[in-house]
Amino acid sequence: MHLKEIDMQQILKIPFFLFVSLVLISCSASSDNERRIAYQLDQEATSSKIFVVRHTGSPGIMNNISVIHNGRNVGDLGMKEALVSSSVEGMNYLTASMNGLAGLTTRDAPIISYESEPDRNRFFVIQLYLKSNGADLYFIEVNETQFKSVALKSSWLDYL
């Protein structure tokens, strides 16, 4: 009987440790990234840049998402991480793909094309849409204020 009580206590600890893990992950991953992005946003726009932030929730949290800009991998993003890349004059192309095991059942984001404009930055959020047979990545173009609210404000609730 004593053995069953110990097993039950161990089982009840699992939700507590999951909650603590989410809080620690949300606190640890964002400070350097947030400072770098805030610095880039504050810089005078001398050429057009793209800003991309991953906001996908807990599905695929252990896997990075590769962002491809004009056919070149410009970075791998973890949850709530952001990156900055310079656009070239004229048409630009942007897509993303999930790495790791989650990438096997996740469809790449459709290629987005946009016309680069001098001194105009573009802002994108990567989302993940879950389906019964996998998931789809997609981009949402947002304004600077919406981007800042996603990229610069961290909460453990974002991981749920």
Protein backbone atom coordinates (compact mmCIF):
# COMPACT_ATOMS: atom_id res chain seq x y z
CA MET A 1 0.00 0.00 0.00
CA HIS A 2 2.87 2.35 0.78
CA LEU A 3 4.29 1.69 -2.69
CA LYS A 4 1.06 2.86 -4.37
CA GLU A 5 1.15 6.14 -2.41
CA ILE A 6 4.70 6.83 -3.59
CA ASP A 7 3.77 6.11 -7.20
CA MET A 8 0.81 8.46 -6.97
CA GLN A 9 2.99 11.23 -5.52
CA GLN A 10 5.45 10.81 -8.39
CA ILE A 11 2.64 11.01 -10.95
CA LEU A 12 1.24 14.19 -9.40
CA LYS A 13 4.66 15.87 -9.67
CA ILE A 14 4.70 15.59 -13.47
CA PRO A 15 2.27 18.49 -14.20
CA PHE A 16 4.15 20.69 -11.74
CA PHE A 17 7.51 20.03 -13.43
CA LEU A 18 6.02 20.63 -16.88
CA PHE A 19 4.69 24.00 -15.72
CA VAL A 20 8.05 24.98 -14.22
CA SER A 21 9.82 23.91 -17.43
CA LEU A 22 7.56 26.13 -19.56
CA VAL A 23 8.23 29.12 -17.33
CA LEU A 24 12.00 28.56 -17.45
CA ILE A 25 12.02 28.13 -21.23
CA SER A 26 10.05 31.34 -21.79
CA CYS A 27 12.34 33.32 -19.50
CA SER A 28 15.65 32.00 -20.79
CA ALA A 29 15.23 32.16 -24.55
CA SER A 30 14.18 35.72 -25.10
CA SER A 31 16.49 38.34 -23.55
CA ASP A 32 19.41 38.44 -26.06
CA ASN A 33 17.07 37.95 -28.99
CA GLU A 34 14.77 40.73 -27.75
CA ARG A 35 17.67 43.17 -27.30
CA ARG A 36 19.03 42.42 -30.78
CA ILE A 37 15.63 42.85 -32.44
CA ALA A 38 14.85 46.02 -30.47
CA TYR A 39 18.22 47.45 -31.57
CA GLN A 40 17.52 46.61 -35.23
CA LEU A 41 14.06 48.19 -35.02
CA ASP A 42 15.51 51.38 -33.55
CA GLN A 43 18.11 51.75 -36.32
CA GLU A 44 17.48 54.28 -39.05
CA ALA A 45 16.20 52.39 -42.08
CA THR A 46 18.93 52.77 -44.70
CA SER A 47 17.81 49.76 -46.70
CA SER A 48 14.70 47.66 -46.56
CA LYS A 49 14.82 44.79 -44.09
CA ILE A 50 12.56 41.90 -43.25
CA PHE A 51 11.83 40.93 -39.66
CA VAL A 52 10.54 37.42 -38.99
CA VAL A 53 9.39 36.01 -35.64
CA ARG A 54 8.30 32.46 -34.86
CA HIS A 55 5.05 32.27 -32.91
CA THR A 56 3.88 28.67 -33.27
CA GLY A 57 2.96 27.57 -29.76
CA SER A 58 4.06 24.28 -28.25
CA PRO A 59 3.71 21.97 -31.30
CA GLY A 60 7.17 21.36 -32.68
CA ILE A 61 8.75 23.32 -29.81
CA MET A 62 11.86 21.10 -29.88
CA ASN A 63 12.42 21.69 -33.61
CA ASN A 64 13.76 24.77 -35.33
CA ILE A 65 12.22 26.40 -38.36
CA SER A 66 14.53 27.37 -41.22
CA VAL A 67 13.73 30.68 -42.89
CA ILE A 68 14.70 30.90 -46.56
CA HIS A 69 14.92 34.38 -48.09
CA ASN A 70 15.63 34.63 -51.82
CA GLY A 71 16.76 30.98 -51.91
CA ARG A 72 19.25 31.39 -49.06
CA ASN A 73 18.84 30.06 -45.53
CA VAL A 74 19.03 33.18 -43.34
CA GLY A 75 18.53 31.46 -40.00
CA ASP A 76 16.91 28.79 -37.87
CA LEU A 77 14.31 29.95 -35.37
CA GLY A 78 13.30 28.40 -32.08
CA MET A 79 10.09 29.37 -30.32
CA LYS A 80 9.64 33.18 -30.02
CA GLU A 81 12.99 33.82 -31.73
CA ALA A 82 13.25 36.41 -34.46
CA LEU A 83 15.66 37.25 -37.24
CA VAL A 84 16.46 40.16 -39.49
CA SER A 85 17.55 40.00 -43.12
CA SER A 86 18.14 42.66 -45.76
CA SER A 87 15.92 42.68 -48.83
CA VAL A 88 17.33 43.14 -52.30
CA GLU A 89 15.95 45.70 -54.72
CA GLY A 90 12.99 44.34 -56.69
CA MET A 91 11.13 41.09 -56.06
CA ASN A 92 11.99 39.05 -52.96
CA TYR A 93 10.87 35.58 -51.91
CA LEU A 94 10.33 34.15 -48.44
CA THR A 95 9.48 30.65 -47.21
CA ALA A 96 10.10 28.46 -44.17
CA SER A 97 10.39 24.77 -43.32
CA MET A 98 10.32 22.80 -40.07
CA ASN A 99 13.49 20.85 -39.18
CA GLY A 100 13.79 17.56 -37.32
CA LEU A 101 11.13 14.88 -36.85
CA ALA A 102 8.30 17.42 -36.83
CA GLY A 103 9.38 18.41 -40.33
CA LEU A 104 8.29 15.02 -41.65
CA THR A 105 4.61 15.84 -41.11
CA THR A 106 4.78 19.62 -41.48
CA ARG A 107 4.25 21.23 -44.86
CA ASP A 108 6.57 24.12 -45.75
CA ALA A 109 5.19 27.63 -45.78
CA PRO A 110 3.98 28.73 -49.22
CA ILE A 111 6.46 31.02 -50.94
CA ILE A 112 5.60 34.68 -50.37
CA SER A 113 6.79 37.21 -52.90
CA TYR A 114 6.97 40.90 -52.17
CA GLU A 115 8.38 43.99 -53.84
CA SER A 116 11.17 45.62 -51.86
CA GLU A 117 10.74 49.34 -51.31
CA PRO A 118 13.59 51.64 -50.22
CA ASP A 119 13.51 52.55 -46.53
CA ARG A 120 10.49 50.32 -45.84
CA ASN A 121 10.79 47.35 -43.51
CA ARG A 122 8.49 44.32 -43.78
CA PHE A 123 7.34 42.29 -40.75
CA PHE A 124 6.27 38.63 -40.73
CA VAL A 125 5.07 36.14 -38.12
CA ILE A 126 5.48 32.39 -38.71
CA GLN A 127 2.40 30.46 -37.58
CA LEU A 128 1.69 26.74 -37.40
CA TYR A 129 -1.73 25.41 -38.34
CA LEU A 130 -2.38 21.90 -36.94
CA LYS A 131 -4.38 19.42 -39.00
CA SER A 132 -5.39 15.82 -38.36
CA ASN A 133 -2.64 14.50 -40.65
CA GLY A 134 0.16 16.94 -39.77
CA ALA A 135 0.60 20.68 -39.81
CA ASP A 136 1.15 23.61 -42.18
CA LEU A 137 3.53 26.52 -41.73
CA TYR A 138 2.48 29.90 -43.01
CA PHE A 139 3.47 33.55 -42.82
CA ILE A 140 1.32 36.45 -41.74
CA GLU A 141 2.50 39.91 -42.71
CA VAL A 142 1.95 42.35 -39.84
CA ASN A 143 2.79 45.95 -39.06
CA GLU A 144 5.66 47.01 -36.80
CA THR A 145 3.47 47.39 -33.71
CA GLN A 146 2.04 43.88 -34.09
CA PHE A 147 5.52 42.48 -34.68
CA LYS A 148 6.87 44.11 -31.53
CA SER A 149 3.99 42.74 -29.47
CA VAL A 150 4.89 39.20 -30.57
CA ALA A 151 8.70 39.45 -30.71
CA LEU A 152 9.41 41.61 -27.67
CA LYS A 153 6.88 40.39 -25.12
CA SER A 154 7.41 36.91 -23.75
CA SER A 155 4.98 34.91 -21.72
CA TRP A 156 4.95 31.25 -20.72
CA LEU A 157 1.39 31.14 -22.11
CA ASP A 158 2.87 31.50 -25.61
CA TYR A 159 4.15 27.94 -25.33
CA LEU A 160 0.73 26.39 -24.79
